[in-house]
C-alpha atoms as a PDB file:
ATOM      1  CA  MET A   1      34.946 258.163  60.555  1.00  0.00           C
ATOM      2  CA  SER A   2      35.745 261.866  59.633  1.00  0.00           C
ATOM      3  CA  ASN A   3      34.894 264.617  62.092  1.00  0.00           C
ATOM      4  CA  PRO A   4      33.302 267.602  60.463  1.00  0.00           C
ATOM      5  CA  ILE A   5      34.206 269.795  63.526  1.00  0.00           C
ATOM      6  CA  ILE A   6      37.995 268.915  63.191  1.00  0.00           C
ATOM      7  CA  ALA A   7      37.836 269.617  59.449  1.00  0.00           C
ATOM      8  CA  ALA A   8      36.160 273.022  60.009  1.00  0.00           C
ATOM      9  CA  GLN A   9      38.841 273.963  62.432  1.00  0.00           C
ATOM     10  CA  LYS A  10      41.396 273.026  60.021  1.00  0.00           C
ATOM     11  CA  LYS A  11      39.928 275.544  57.434  1.00  0.00           C
ATOM     12  CA  LEU A  12      39.642 278.241  59.996  1.00  0.00           C
ATOM     13  CA  PHE A  13      43.390 277.786  60.804  1.00  0.00           C
ATOM     14  CA  ASP A  14      44.289 277.767  57.362  1.00  0.00           C
ATOM     15  CA  ALA A  15      42.427 280.987  56.605  1.00  0.00           C
ATOM     16  CA  THR A  16      43.912 282.665  59.441  1.00  0.00           C
ATOM     17  CA  ALA A  17      47.472 281.419  58.668  1.00  0.00           C
ATOM     18  CA  GLU A  18      47.419 282.459  55.123  1.00  0.00           C
ATOM     19  CA  GLY A  19      46.353 286.004  56.001  1.00  0.00           C
ATOM     20  CA  GLY A  20      43.037 285.390  54.820  1.00  0.00           C
ATOM     21  CA  THR A  21      40.468 288.026  54.207  1.00  0.00           C
ATOM     22  CA  VAL A  22      38.054 289.014  56.821  1.00  0.00           C
ATOM     23  CA  GLN A  23      35.152 287.334  54.908  1.00  0.00           C
ATOM     24  CA  GLY A  24      36.941 284.286  54.490  1.00  0.00           C
ATOM     25  CA  ILE A  25      37.675 283.917  58.232  1.00  0.00           C
ATOM     26  CA  LYS A  26      34.106 284.844  59.043  1.00  0.00           C
ATOM     27  CA  ASP A  27      32.889 282.180  56.622  1.00  0.00           C
ATOM     28  CA  ALA A  28      35.176 279.716  58.107  1.00  0.00           C
ATOM     29  CA  ARG A  29      33.996 280.519  61.637  1.00  0.00           C
ATOM     30  CA  ALA A  30      30.320 280.229  60.431  1.00  0.00           C
ATOM     31  CA  ALA A  31      31.169 276.731  58.881  1.00  0.00           C
ATOM     32  CA  GLY A  32      32.776 275.581  62.075  1.00  0.00           C
ATOM     33  CA  GLN A  33      29.743 276.648  64.240  1.00  0.00           C
ATOM     34  CA  ALA A  34      27.343 274.791  61.697  1.00  0.00           C
ATOM     35  CA  ALA A  35      29.639 271.653  62.098  1.00  0.00           C
ATOM     36  CA  TRP A  36      29.504 271.940  65.952  1.00  0.00           C
ATOM     37  CA  ASP A  37      25.684 272.464  65.914  1.00  0.00           C
ATOM     38  CA  ALA A  38      25.178 269.485  63.489  1.00  0.00           C
ATOM     39  CA  ALA A  39      27.667 267.173  65.479  1.00  0.00           C
ATOM     40  CA  THR A  40      27.144 264.010  67.493  1.00  0.00           C
ATOM     41  CA  PRO A  41      28.057 264.237  71.272  1.00  0.00           C
ATOM     42  CA  GLU A  42      30.852 261.669  70.110  1.00  0.00           C
ATOM     43  CA  GLN A  43      32.270 263.902  67.310  1.00  0.00           C
ATOM     44  CA  ARG A  44      32.269 266.883  69.805  1.00  0.00           C
ATOM     45  CA  ASP A  45      33.960 264.993  72.428  1.00  0.00           C
ATOM     46  CA  GLU A  46      36.620 263.964  69.862  1.00  0.00           C
ATOM     47  CA  ALA A  47      37.025 267.631  68.878  1.00  0.00           C
ATOM     48  CA  ARG A  48      37.593 268.655  72.370  1.00  0.00           C
ATOM     49  CA  LYS A  49      40.382 265.957  72.803  1.00  0.00           C
ATOM     50  CA  ASN A  50      41.994 266.949  69.644  1.00  0.00           C
ATOM     51  CA  LYS A  51      41.672 270.826  69.764  1.00  0.00           C
ATOM     52  CA  ASN A  52      45.383 271.183  69.896  1.00  0.00           C
ATOM     53  CA  ALA A  53      46.102 268.762  67.030  1.00  0.00           C
ATOM     54  CA  LEU A  54      46.340 271.438  64.539  1.00  0.00           C
END
């Protein structure tokens, strides 16, 4: 099962690592928050455990 939180974290990491625009980083953060809000408790636990995986 794909975890939308981890995918959003990766997009944010990529946006900041590539010197992304302020708006691009804000959009990535908003997408991450939306993924967190929509996630199941199991997905949230998985994201917490993998927070240093990027």
